[in-house]
Amino acid sequence: MPRTPDPKIRDRSRTEAAIVLAARDVLAESGFQGFGVNAVARRAGCDKQLIYRYFGGLEGLIDAIGGEIATWVEDSLAATGQAPPATYAELTERLILGFLEALRANALVQKIAAWEIAESSPLVARLAAARGAALSRWMALMRGGLAPPDGLDAPALNAMLIAAVQQLALSGAAAGSFAGLPLKTDEDWDRVRAAAVRIVRGLYAG
């Protein structure tokens, strides 16, 4: 006979999911100034002791949110293509374009990127580390034996490309433009993607 799921396990799973959702909402709306066990418990409609029991406190909640963000980033990168890239340039194109879409589509990811610059705290660092780990995992999975042309400092170049698309995504969400470049319509973002691809191909040609 098939086993009947334990109601306690099912209820715990639902409660944990509700707490993580509440924590994500509180963080997105109030930032770290309003992020606390009591606020999350009120939003989730649960006793705060459950947060300590299931997550160990705020750090555990942040790690759970970080896990969701990592999955979001990896899914965005996976959407750029499943087949192995043929060149290092194609690999980098997918990385930059996938990360751009992950940022544009998720307000919390945008806020975390902004907090990294504006705030220095252990909790922000944990979220940033989760996002960075997702990028690294995807690169390791897709890279295979591909390598950049000799003489290029690929880690530094890729960091600058990631920083550029991050700035554009944040500016687009906050102001709708950057340095005179409009960042509102699909056509505007098509220009950004085309420019990113051209830069990557120019850097890693040959």
N, C-alpha and C. Protein backbone atom coordinates (compact mmCIF):
# COMPACT_ATOMS: atom_id res chain seq x y z
N MET A 1 0.84 -1.20 0.00
CA MET A 1 0.00 0.00 0.00
C MET A 1 0.88 1.25 0.00
N PRO A 2 0.47 2.30 -0.75
CA PRO A 2 1.24 3.55 -0.71
C PRO A 2 1.16 4.19 0.65
N ARG A 3 2.25 4.80 1.05
CA ARG A 3 2.29 5.45 2.36
C ARG A 3 1.49 6.74 2.34
N THR A 4 0.77 6.98 3.40
CA THR A 4 0.04 8.24 3.55
C THR A 4 0.97 9.29 4.14
N PRO A 5 1.11 10.46 3.48
CA PRO A 5 2.01 11.49 4.02
C PRO A 5 1.65 11.86 5.44
N ASP A 6 2.66 12.02 6.25
CA ASP A 6 2.46 12.43 7.64
C ASP A 6 1.91 13.85 7.67
N PRO A 7 0.72 14.08 8.24
CA PRO A 7 0.15 15.44 8.28
C PRO A 7 1.06 16.44 8.96
N LYS A 8 1.82 15.98 9.97
CA LYS A 8 2.70 16.91 10.67
C LYS A 8 3.81 17.40 9.74
N ILE A 9 4.36 16.47 8.93
CA ILE A 9 5.40 16.87 7.99
C ILE A 9 4.83 17.82 6.95
N ARG A 10 3.61 17.49 6.45
CA ARG A 10 2.98 18.33 5.44
C ARG A 10 2.71 19.72 6.01
N ASP A 11 2.20 19.77 7.23
CA ASP A 11 1.90 21.06 7.85
C ASP A 11 3.17 21.86 8.10
N ARG A 12 4.24 21.19 8.51
CA ARG A 12 5.49 21.90 8.73
C ARG A 12 5.98 22.49 7.41
N SER A 13 5.90 21.71 6.35
CA SER A 13 6.36 22.20 5.05
C SER A 13 5.57 23.43 4.63
N ARG A 14 4.28 23.40 4.83
CA ARG A 14 3.45 24.56 4.47
C ARG A 14 3.78 25.76 5.34
N THR A 15 3.99 25.51 6.62
CA THR A 15 4.31 26.61 7.52
C THR A 15 5.65 27.23 7.16
N GLU A 16 6.64 26.40 6.88
CA GLU A 16 7.95 26.92 6.49
C GLU A 16 7.83 27.77 5.22
N ALA A 17 7.07 27.28 4.25
CA ALA A 17 6.91 28.03 3.00
C ALA A 17 6.22 29.37 3.26
N ALA A 18 5.22 29.37 4.15
CA ALA A 18 4.52 30.61 4.48
C ALA A 18 5.44 31.59 5.19
N ILE A 19 6.30 31.07 6.06
CA ILE A 19 7.23 31.95 6.78
C ILE A 19 8.25 32.56 5.82
N VAL A 20 8.78 31.76 4.90
CA VAL A 20 9.75 32.29 3.94
C VAL A 20 9.10 33.34 3.05
N LEU A 21 7.88 33.08 2.61
CA LEU A 21 7.17 34.07 1.79
C LEU A 21 6.95 35.36 2.57
N ALA A 22 6.56 35.23 3.83
CA ALA A 22 6.36 36.42 4.66
C ALA A 22 7.68 37.17 4.86
N ALA A 23 8.74 36.43 5.10
CA ALA A 23 10.05 37.05 5.30
C ALA A 23 10.48 37.81 4.05
N ARG A 24 10.27 37.20 2.90
CA ARG A 24 10.63 37.85 1.63
C ARG A 24 9.83 39.13 1.44
N ASP A 25 8.54 39.08 1.77
CA ASP A 25 7.69 40.26 1.61
C ASP A 25 8.10 41.38 2.56
N VAL A 26 8.36 41.02 3.81
CA VAL A 26 8.78 42.03 4.79
C VAL A 26 10.09 42.67 4.36
N LEU A 27 11.03 41.85 3.91
CA LEU A 27 12.33 42.37 3.49
C LEU A 27 12.19 43.30 2.29
N ALA A 28 11.37 42.90 1.32
CA ALA A 28 11.18 43.73 0.13
C ALA A 28 10.51 45.05 0.45
N GLU A 29 9.56 45.03 1.38
CA GLU A 29 8.80 46.23 1.69
C GLU A 29 9.52 47.16 2.68
N SER A 30 10.19 46.58 3.66
CA SER A 30 10.72 47.38 4.76
C SER A 30 12.24 47.42 4.84
N GLY A 31 12.92 46.61 4.03
CA GLY A 31 14.37 46.54 4.13
C GLY A 31 14.79 45.91 5.45
N PHE A 32 16.07 45.99 5.73
CA PHE A 32 16.58 45.36 6.95
C PHE A 32 16.18 46.13 8.20
N GLN A 33 15.81 47.42 8.05
CA GLN A 33 15.38 48.18 9.21
C GLN A 33 14.11 47.60 9.82
N GLY A 34 13.22 47.08 8.96
CA GLY A 34 11.97 46.52 9.46
C GLY A 34 11.93 45.01 9.48
N PHE A 35 13.09 44.39 9.22
CA PHE A 35 13.15 42.94 9.12
C PHE A 35 13.51 42.34 10.47
N GLY A 36 12.56 41.65 11.06
CA GLY A 36 12.79 41.03 12.36
C GLY A 36 11.86 39.85 12.55
N VAL A 37 12.14 39.04 13.53
CA VAL A 37 11.34 37.84 13.78
C VAL A 37 9.89 38.20 14.06
N ASN A 38 9.66 39.24 14.86
CA ASN A 38 8.29 39.61 15.19
C ASN A 38 7.51 40.05 13.96
N ALA A 39 8.15 40.86 13.10
CA ALA A 39 7.48 41.33 11.89
C ALA A 39 7.15 40.18 10.95
N VAL A 40 8.07 39.25 10.81
CA VAL A 40 7.84 38.10 9.93
C VAL A 40 6.73 37.22 10.50
N ALA A 41 6.75 37.00 11.80
CA ALA A 41 5.71 36.17 12.42
C ALA A 41 4.33 36.79 12.24
N ARG A 42 4.24 38.11 12.41
CA ARG A 42 2.95 38.77 12.21
C ARG A 42 2.48 38.59 10.77
N ARG A 43 3.39 38.78 9.81
CA ARG A 43 3.00 38.65 8.41
C ARG A 43 2.60 37.21 8.07
N ALA A 44 3.30 36.25 8.65
CA ALA A 44 3.01 34.84 8.37
C ALA A 44 1.81 34.32 9.16
N GLY A 45 1.42 35.05 10.21
CA GLY A 45 0.31 34.61 11.05
C GLY A 45 0.66 33.39 11.89
N CYS A 46 1.91 33.38 12.40
CA CYS A 46 2.34 32.23 13.19
C CYS A 46 3.04 32.71 14.45
N ASP A 47 3.26 31.79 15.37
CA ASP A 47 4.02 32.10 16.58
C ASP A 47 5.49 32.27 16.21
N LYS A 48 6.13 33.26 16.77
CA LYS A 48 7.53 33.50 16.42
C LYS A 48 8.45 32.35 16.83
N GLN A 49 8.00 31.55 17.80
CA GLN A 49 8.82 30.40 18.20
C GLN A 49 9.00 29.41 17.07
N LEU A 50 8.03 29.37 16.14
CA LEU A 50 8.16 28.47 15.00
C LEU A 50 9.32 28.90 14.10
N ILE A 51 9.56 30.20 14.02
CA ILE A 51 10.68 30.70 13.21
C ILE A 51 12.00 30.23 13.79
N TYR A 52 12.12 30.31 15.11
CA TYR A 52 13.34 29.83 15.75
C TYR A 52 13.46 28.30 15.63
N ARG A 53 12.34 27.61 15.73
CA ARG A 53 12.37 26.15 15.67
C ARG A 53 12.75 25.67 14.27
N TYR A 54 12.17 26.29 13.26
CA TYR A 54 12.38 25.81 11.89
C TYR A 54 13.62 26.41 11.22
N PHE A 55 13.96 27.64 11.59
CA PHE A 55 15.04 28.34 10.87
C PHE A 55 16.19 28.78 11.77
N GLY A 56 15.99 28.73 13.06
CA GLY A 56 17.05 29.14 13.97
C GLY A 56 17.16 30.64 14.16
N GLY A 57 16.28 31.42 13.53
CA GLY A 57 16.31 32.88 13.67
C GLY A 57 16.49 33.57 12.34
N LEU A 58 16.92 34.81 12.40
CA LEU A 58 17.01 35.64 11.20
C LEU A 58 18.01 35.11 10.18
N GLU A 59 19.15 34.62 10.65
CA GLU A 59 20.15 34.13 9.70
C GLU A 59 19.62 32.96 8.89
N GLY A 60 18.89 32.08 9.54
CA GLY A 60 18.29 30.96 8.82
C GLY A 60 17.26 31.41 7.82
N LEU A 61 16.48 32.43 8.18
CA LEU A 61 15.52 32.98 7.24
C LEU A 61 16.21 33.59 6.03
N ILE A 62 17.28 34.33 6.28
CA ILE A 62 18.04 34.94 5.19
C ILE A 62 18.61 33.86 4.28
N ASP A 63 19.10 32.77 4.86
CA ASP A 63 19.63 31.69 4.04
C ASP A 63 18.54 31.06 3.18
N ALA A 64 17.33 30.95 3.74
CA ALA A 64 16.22 30.40 2.96
C ALA A 64 15.86 31.33 1.80
N ILE A 65 15.83 32.63 2.07
CA ILE A 65 15.56 33.60 1.00
C ILE A 65 16.70 33.54 -0.03
N GLY A 66 17.93 33.44 0.45
CA GLY A 66 19.07 33.33 -0.45
C GLY A 66 18.96 32.12 -1.35
N GLY A 67 18.47 31.02 -0.81
CA GLY A 67 18.27 29.82 -1.62
C GLY A 67 17.26 30.05 -2.73
N GLU A 68 16.17 30.76 -2.41
CA GLU A 68 15.16 31.07 -3.42
C GLU A 68 15.74 31.98 -4.50
N ILE A 69 16.53 32.96 -4.09
CA ILE A 69 17.15 33.87 -5.04
C ILE A 69 18.11 33.12 -5.96
N ALA A 70 18.90 32.23 -5.37
CA ALA A 70 19.83 31.44 -6.18
C ALA A 70 19.08 30.62 -7.23
N THR A 71 17.96 30.02 -6.83
CA THR A 71 17.16 29.24 -7.78
C THR A 71 16.62 30.15 -8.89
N TRP A 72 16.17 31.34 -8.51
CA TRP A 72 15.65 32.30 -9.48
C TRP A 72 16.72 32.67 -10.50
N VAL A 73 17.92 32.97 -10.02
CA VAL A 73 19.02 33.34 -10.91
C VAL A 73 19.38 32.19 -11.83
N GLU A 74 19.49 30.99 -11.27
CA GLU A 74 19.86 29.83 -12.09
C GLU A 74 18.78 29.53 -13.13
N ASP A 75 17.52 29.69 -12.78
CA ASP A 75 16.45 29.48 -13.76
C ASP A 75 16.52 30.51 -14.88
N SER A 76 16.84 31.75 -14.53
CA SER A 76 16.98 32.80 -15.55
C SER A 76 18.14 32.50 -16.49
N LEU A 77 19.24 32.01 -15.94
CA LEU A 77 20.37 31.64 -16.76
C LEU A 77 20.05 30.43 -17.64
N ALA A 78 19.33 29.46 -17.08
CA ALA A 78 18.97 28.27 -17.84
C ALA A 78 18.07 28.61 -19.02
N ALA A 79 17.28 29.69 -18.87
CA ALA A 79 16.37 30.09 -19.95
C ALA A 79 17.12 30.61 -21.17
N THR A 80 18.41 30.91 -21.03
CA THR A 80 19.19 31.40 -22.17
C THR A 80 19.61 30.26 -23.10
N GLY A 81 19.41 29.02 -22.67
CA GLY A 81 19.76 27.88 -23.53
C GLY A 81 20.26 26.71 -22.73
N GLN A 82 19.87 25.51 -23.15
CA GLN A 82 20.28 24.29 -22.45
C GLN A 82 21.50 23.64 -23.09
N ALA A 83 21.67 23.83 -24.39
CA ALA A 83 22.80 23.20 -25.07
C ALA A 83 24.11 23.87 -24.63
N PRO A 84 25.18 23.12 -24.54
CA PRO A 84 26.48 23.72 -24.17
C PRO A 84 26.88 24.80 -25.16
N PRO A 85 27.40 25.92 -24.68
CA PRO A 85 27.84 26.97 -25.61
C PRO A 85 29.04 26.50 -26.42
N ALA A 86 29.15 27.02 -27.64
CA ALA A 86 30.23 26.60 -28.54
C ALA A 86 31.52 27.37 -28.29
N THR A 87 31.41 28.58 -27.75
CA THR A 87 32.59 29.42 -27.53
C THR A 87 32.50 30.09 -26.17
N TYR A 88 33.64 30.61 -25.69
CA TYR A 88 33.64 31.35 -24.44
C TYR A 88 32.81 32.62 -24.58
N ALA A 89 32.81 33.22 -25.76
CA ALA A 89 32.00 34.42 -25.98
C ALA A 89 30.52 34.11 -25.80
N GLU A 90 30.08 32.98 -26.34
CA GLU A 90 28.66 32.60 -26.19
C GLU A 90 28.34 32.33 -24.73
N LEU A 91 29.25 31.67 -24.03
CA LEU A 91 29.06 31.42 -22.60
C LEU A 91 28.86 32.73 -21.85
N THR A 92 29.70 33.73 -22.14
CA THR A 92 29.62 35.00 -21.44
C THR A 92 28.37 35.77 -21.84
N GLU A 93 27.98 35.69 -23.09
CA GLU A 93 26.72 36.31 -23.52
C GLU A 93 25.55 35.79 -22.68
N ARG A 94 25.49 34.47 -22.56
CA ARG A 94 24.40 33.87 -21.79
C ARG A 94 24.44 34.34 -20.33
N LEU A 95 25.62 34.39 -19.76
CA LEU A 95 25.76 34.84 -18.38
C LEU A 95 25.23 36.26 -18.21
N ILE A 96 25.68 37.17 -19.07
CA ILE A 96 25.31 38.58 -18.93
C ILE A 96 23.83 38.79 -19.20
N LEU A 97 23.32 38.20 -20.28
CA LEU A 97 21.91 38.40 -20.62
C LEU A 97 20.99 37.72 -19.62
N GLY A 98 21.37 36.54 -19.13
CA GLY A 98 20.54 35.86 -18.14
C GLY A 98 20.50 36.61 -16.83
N PHE A 99 21.64 37.14 -16.41
CA PHE A 99 21.68 37.91 -15.17
C PHE A 99 20.88 39.20 -15.31
N LEU A 100 20.95 39.83 -16.46
CA LEU A 100 20.15 41.03 -16.69
C LEU A 100 18.67 40.75 -16.53
N GLU A 101 18.20 39.65 -17.11
CA GLU A 101 16.78 39.33 -17.01
C GLU A 101 16.39 38.94 -15.58
N ALA A 102 17.28 38.25 -14.87
CA ALA A 102 17.00 37.90 -13.47
C ALA A 102 16.81 39.16 -12.63
N LEU A 103 17.65 40.15 -12.87
CA LEU A 103 17.54 41.42 -12.14
C LEU A 103 16.28 42.17 -12.50
N ARG A 104 16.01 42.30 -13.79
CA ARG A 104 14.87 43.10 -14.24
C ARG A 104 13.54 42.52 -13.76
N ALA A 105 13.48 41.20 -13.61
CA ALA A 105 12.20 40.56 -13.32
C ALA A 105 11.92 40.37 -11.84
N ASN A 106 12.86 40.72 -10.97
CA ASN A 106 12.68 40.43 -9.55
C ASN A 106 13.07 41.65 -8.72
N ALA A 107 12.07 42.30 -8.14
CA ALA A 107 12.31 43.54 -7.39
C ALA A 107 13.20 43.29 -6.17
N LEU A 108 13.06 42.13 -5.53
CA LEU A 108 13.88 41.86 -4.35
C LEU A 108 15.34 41.68 -4.74
N VAL A 109 15.60 41.02 -5.85
CA VAL A 109 16.97 40.86 -6.32
C VAL A 109 17.58 42.24 -6.62
N GLN A 110 16.79 43.13 -7.17
CA GLN A 110 17.25 44.51 -7.42
C GLN A 110 17.62 45.18 -6.10
N LYS A 111 16.76 45.05 -5.11
CA LYS A 111 17.02 45.71 -3.84
C LYS A 111 18.26 45.14 -3.16
N ILE A 112 18.45 43.84 -3.26
CA ILE A 112 19.64 43.24 -2.65
C ILE A 112 20.89 43.78 -3.31
N ALA A 113 20.86 43.91 -4.65
CA ALA A 113 22.01 44.47 -5.36
C ALA A 113 22.29 45.90 -4.90
N ALA A 114 21.23 46.67 -4.68
CA ALA A 114 21.41 48.04 -4.20
C ALA A 114 21.92 48.07 -2.77
N TRP A 115 21.42 47.15 -1.93
CA TRP A 115 21.88 47.11 -0.54
C TRP A 115 23.35 46.75 -0.45
N GLU A 116 23.83 45.92 -1.35
CA GLU A 116 25.25 45.57 -1.34
C GLU A 116 26.13 46.82 -1.42
N ILE A 117 25.65 47.81 -2.16
CA ILE A 117 26.42 49.04 -2.34
C ILE A 117 26.19 49.99 -1.18
N ALA A 118 24.94 50.07 -0.71
CA ALA A 118 24.59 51.08 0.29
C ALA A 118 24.80 50.60 1.73
N GLU A 119 24.71 49.30 1.96
CA GLU A 119 24.79 48.77 3.32
C GLU A 119 25.83 47.67 3.38
N SER A 120 26.57 47.65 4.45
CA SER A 120 27.52 46.56 4.68
C SER A 120 27.11 45.85 5.96
N SER A 121 26.54 44.66 5.80
CA SER A 121 26.11 43.90 6.97
C SER A 121 26.24 42.42 6.67
N PRO A 122 26.33 41.61 7.71
CA PRO A 122 26.45 40.16 7.49
C PRO A 122 25.25 39.57 6.76
N LEU A 123 24.04 40.10 7.00
CA LEU A 123 22.86 39.56 6.34
C LEU A 123 22.87 39.87 4.85
N VAL A 124 23.25 41.09 4.48
CA VAL A 124 23.37 41.44 3.06
C VAL A 124 24.43 40.56 2.41
N ALA A 125 25.53 40.35 3.11
CA ALA A 125 26.61 39.53 2.56
C ALA A 125 26.15 38.10 2.29
N ARG A 126 25.27 37.57 3.14
CA ARG A 126 24.78 36.20 2.94
C ARG A 126 23.93 36.13 1.68
N LEU A 127 23.10 37.14 1.45
CA LEU A 127 22.27 37.15 0.24
C LEU A 127 23.13 37.31 -1.00
N ALA A 128 24.10 38.20 -0.93
CA ALA A 128 25.00 38.40 -2.07
C ALA A 128 25.77 37.13 -2.38
N ALA A 129 26.20 36.42 -1.34
CA ALA A 129 26.95 35.18 -1.53
C ALA A 129 26.09 34.12 -2.21
N ALA A 130 24.82 34.06 -1.86
CA ALA A 130 23.92 33.09 -2.48
C ALA A 130 23.76 33.37 -3.96
N ARG A 131 23.62 34.63 -4.31
CA ARG A 131 23.50 35.00 -5.73
C ARG A 131 24.80 34.70 -6.47
N GLY A 132 25.93 35.06 -5.86
CA GLY A 132 27.22 34.80 -6.49
C GLY A 132 27.47 33.32 -6.68
N ALA A 133 27.06 32.51 -5.72
CA ALA A 133 27.23 31.06 -5.83
C ALA A 133 26.41 30.50 -6.98
N ALA A 134 25.21 31.06 -7.19
CA ALA A 134 24.38 30.60 -8.30
C ALA A 134 25.05 30.89 -9.63
N LEU A 135 25.61 32.08 -9.77
CA LEU A 135 26.33 32.43 -11.00
C LEU A 135 27.52 31.49 -11.21
N SER A 136 28.27 31.23 -10.15
CA SER A 136 29.45 30.36 -10.25
C SER A 136 29.07 28.93 -10.61
N ARG A 137 27.98 28.43 -10.01
CA ARG A 137 27.54 27.06 -10.32
C ARG A 137 27.17 26.94 -11.79
N TRP A 138 26.44 27.93 -12.29
CA TRP A 138 26.03 27.88 -13.69
C TRP A 138 27.25 27.93 -14.60
N MET A 139 28.20 28.80 -14.30
CA MET A 139 29.41 28.91 -15.11
C MET A 139 30.16 27.58 -15.12
N ALA A 140 30.31 26.96 -13.96
CA ALA A 140 31.03 25.69 -13.87
C ALA A 140 30.32 24.60 -14.66
N LEU A 141 28.97 24.61 -14.61
CA LEU A 141 28.19 23.60 -15.32
C LEU A 141 28.30 23.75 -16.83
N MET A 142 28.25 24.98 -17.32
CA MET A 142 28.17 25.23 -18.75
C MET A 142 29.53 25.43 -19.41
N ARG A 143 30.53 25.76 -18.65
CA ARG A 143 31.81 26.13 -19.25
C ARG A 143 32.52 24.96 -19.92
N GLY A 144 32.54 23.80 -19.27
CA GLY A 144 33.25 22.68 -19.85
C GLY A 144 34.73 23.02 -20.02
N GLY A 145 35.25 22.79 -21.22
CA GLY A 145 36.65 23.08 -21.49
C GLY A 145 36.88 24.42 -22.16
N LEU A 146 35.84 25.27 -22.21
CA LEU A 146 35.99 26.56 -22.88
C LEU A 146 36.90 27.49 -22.09
N ALA A 147 37.67 28.27 -22.81
CA ALA A 147 38.58 29.22 -22.16
C ALA A 147 38.60 30.51 -22.97
N PRO A 148 38.80 31.65 -22.30
CA PRO A 148 38.90 32.92 -23.02
C PRO A 148 40.20 32.98 -23.82
N PRO A 149 40.28 33.88 -24.79
CA PRO A 149 41.54 34.03 -25.53
C PRO A 149 42.70 34.34 -24.59
N ASP A 150 43.88 33.90 -24.97
CA ASP A 150 45.08 34.13 -24.15
C ASP A 150 45.30 35.63 -23.92
N GLY A 151 45.74 35.94 -22.72
CA GLY A 151 46.11 37.32 -22.41
C GLY A 151 44.98 38.17 -21.86
N LEU A 152 43.77 37.61 -21.79
CA LEU A 152 42.64 38.38 -21.26
C LEU A 152 42.36 37.99 -19.82
N ASP A 153 42.10 38.98 -18.99
CA ASP A 153 41.74 38.75 -17.59
C ASP A 153 40.22 38.59 -17.54
N ALA A 154 39.73 37.38 -17.85
CA ALA A 154 38.29 37.15 -17.95
C ALA A 154 37.54 37.44 -16.65
N PRO A 155 38.04 37.05 -15.47
CA PRO A 155 37.29 37.38 -14.24
C PRO A 155 37.07 38.88 -14.08
N ALA A 156 38.09 39.69 -14.35
CA ALA A 156 37.92 41.14 -14.22
C ALA A 156 36.97 41.69 -15.27
N LEU A 157 37.10 41.22 -16.50
CA LEU A 157 36.23 41.69 -17.58
C LEU A 157 34.78 41.30 -17.31
N ASN A 158 34.56 40.06 -16.87
CA ASN A 158 33.19 39.62 -16.60
C ASN A 158 32.59 40.37 -15.42
N ALA A 159 33.41 40.67 -14.41
CA ALA A 159 32.91 41.45 -13.27
C ALA A 159 32.45 42.83 -13.72
N MET A 160 33.19 43.43 -14.64
CA MET A 160 32.80 44.75 -15.14
C MET A 160 31.53 44.67 -15.97
N LEU A 161 31.37 43.60 -16.75
CA LEU A 161 30.15 43.43 -17.53
C LEU A 161 28.94 43.22 -16.62
N ILE A 162 29.11 42.39 -15.59
CA ILE A 162 28.02 42.15 -14.64
C ILE A 162 27.66 43.45 -13.93
N ALA A 163 28.67 44.22 -13.53
CA ALA A 163 28.40 45.49 -12.86
C ALA A 163 27.64 46.44 -13.78
N ALA A 164 27.98 46.42 -15.06
CA ALA A 164 27.32 47.32 -16.01
C ALA A 164 25.84 46.98 -16.16
N VAL A 165 25.52 45.71 -16.37
CA VAL A 165 24.10 45.36 -16.55
C VAL A 165 23.34 45.52 -15.25
N GLN A 166 24.03 45.31 -14.11
CA GLN A 166 23.37 45.53 -12.82
C GLN A 166 22.99 47.00 -12.66
N GLN A 167 23.90 47.90 -13.00
CA GLN A 167 23.62 49.32 -12.90
C GLN A 167 22.46 49.72 -13.81
N LEU A 168 22.45 49.20 -15.03
CA LEU A 168 21.38 49.53 -15.95
C LEU A 168 20.03 49.00 -15.46
N ALA A 169 20.03 47.77 -14.92
CA ALA A 169 18.78 47.22 -14.41
C ALA A 169 18.25 48.04 -13.23
N LEU A 170 19.13 48.43 -12.32
CA LEU A 170 18.71 49.22 -11.17
C LEU A 170 18.24 50.62 -11.60
N SER A 171 18.96 51.23 -12.53
CA SER A 171 18.58 52.56 -13.01
C SER A 171 17.27 52.50 -13.78
N GLY A 172 17.09 51.44 -14.55
CA GLY A 172 15.83 51.30 -15.27
C GLY A 172 14.65 51.20 -14.33
N ALA A 173 14.81 50.43 -13.25
CA ALA A 173 13.72 50.28 -12.28
C ALA A 173 13.46 51.56 -11.51
N ALA A 174 14.53 52.28 -11.17
CA ALA A 174 14.38 53.47 -10.31
C ALA A 174 14.05 54.74 -11.10
N ALA A 175 14.68 54.92 -12.25
CA ALA A 175 14.56 56.19 -12.96
C ALA A 175 14.11 56.06 -14.40
N GLY A 176 14.19 54.88 -14.95
CA GLY A 176 13.78 54.69 -16.34
C GLY A 176 14.80 55.14 -17.35
N SER A 177 16.02 55.46 -16.89
CA SER A 177 17.08 55.86 -17.82
C SER A 177 18.41 55.83 -17.09
N PHE A 178 19.49 55.88 -17.90
CA PHE A 178 20.83 56.00 -17.33
C PHE A 178 21.72 56.69 -18.35
N ALA A 179 22.38 57.77 -17.92
CA ALA A 179 23.31 58.52 -18.77
C ALA A 179 22.67 58.89 -20.10
N GLY A 180 21.40 59.26 -20.05
CA GLY A 180 20.69 59.67 -21.25
C GLY A 180 20.11 58.53 -22.06
N LEU A 181 20.36 57.28 -21.65
CA LEU A 181 19.81 56.13 -22.36
C LEU A 181 18.47 55.75 -21.74
N PRO A 182 17.38 55.80 -22.50
CA PRO A 182 16.08 55.40 -21.94
C PRO A 182 16.04 53.91 -21.67
N LEU A 183 15.40 53.55 -20.56
CA LEU A 183 15.34 52.14 -20.13
C LEU A 183 13.93 51.81 -19.68
N LYS A 184 12.98 52.00 -20.60
CA LYS A 184 11.58 51.81 -20.25
C LYS A 184 10.89 50.76 -21.12
N THR A 185 11.08 50.84 -22.43
CA THR A 185 10.33 49.99 -23.35
C THR A 185 11.12 48.73 -23.73
N ASP A 186 10.42 47.80 -24.37
CA ASP A 186 11.11 46.60 -24.86
C ASP A 186 12.19 46.98 -25.85
N GLU A 187 11.92 47.99 -26.66
CA GLU A 187 12.91 48.44 -27.63
C GLU A 187 14.16 48.99 -26.94
N ASP A 188 13.96 49.70 -25.84
CA ASP A 188 15.11 50.21 -25.07
C ASP A 188 15.99 49.06 -24.60
N TRP A 189 15.37 48.03 -24.07
CA TRP A 189 16.14 46.90 -23.53
C TRP A 189 16.73 46.05 -24.64
N ASP A 190 16.09 46.04 -25.80
CA ASP A 190 16.71 45.36 -26.94
C ASP A 190 18.03 46.04 -27.30
N ARG A 191 18.06 47.36 -27.21
CA ARG A 191 19.31 48.09 -27.46
C ARG A 191 20.39 47.68 -26.46
N VAL A 192 20.00 47.55 -25.20
CA VAL A 192 20.96 47.16 -24.16
C VAL A 192 21.50 45.76 -24.46
N ARG A 193 20.61 44.83 -24.77
CA ARG A 193 21.05 43.46 -25.05
C ARG A 193 21.99 43.43 -26.26
N ALA A 194 21.62 44.14 -27.30
CA ALA A 194 22.46 44.16 -28.50
C ALA A 194 23.84 44.74 -28.20
N ALA A 195 23.88 45.80 -27.39
CA ALA A 195 25.15 46.41 -27.03
C ALA A 195 25.99 45.45 -26.20
N ALA A 196 25.35 44.76 -25.26
CA ALA A 196 26.08 43.80 -24.42
C ALA A 196 26.68 42.69 -25.27
N VAL A 197 25.90 42.17 -26.19
CA VAL A 197 26.40 41.10 -27.06
C VAL A 197 27.58 41.59 -27.90
N ARG A 198 27.46 42.80 -28.42
CA ARG A 198 28.54 43.34 -29.24
C ARG A 198 29.82 43.50 -28.42
N ILE A 199 29.70 43.98 -27.20
CA ILE A 199 30.87 44.15 -26.34
C ILE A 199 31.52 42.80 -26.04
N VAL A 200 30.69 41.82 -25.68
CA VAL A 200 31.22 40.49 -25.35
C VAL A 200 31.94 39.88 -26.55
N ARG A 201 31.31 39.95 -27.69
CA ARG A 201 31.93 39.35 -28.88
C ARG A 201 33.21 40.07 -29.26
N GLY A 202 33.24 41.39 -29.06
CA GLY A 202 34.46 42.14 -29.34
C GLY A 202 35.59 41.77 -28.39
N LEU A 203 35.23 41.57 -27.11
CA LEU A 203 36.23 41.22 -26.11
C LEU A 203 36.81 39.82 -26.33
N TYR A 204 35.92 38.88 -26.62
CA TYR A 204 36.34 37.48 -26.64
C TYR A 204 36.43 36.89 -28.04
N ALA A 205 36.53 37.73 -29.05
CA ALA A 205 36.70 37.22 -30.42
C ALA A 205 38.07 36.56 -30.54
N GLY A 206 38.07 35.45 -31.30
CA GLY A 206 39.35 34.82 -31.60
C GLY A 206 39.80 33.83 -30.61
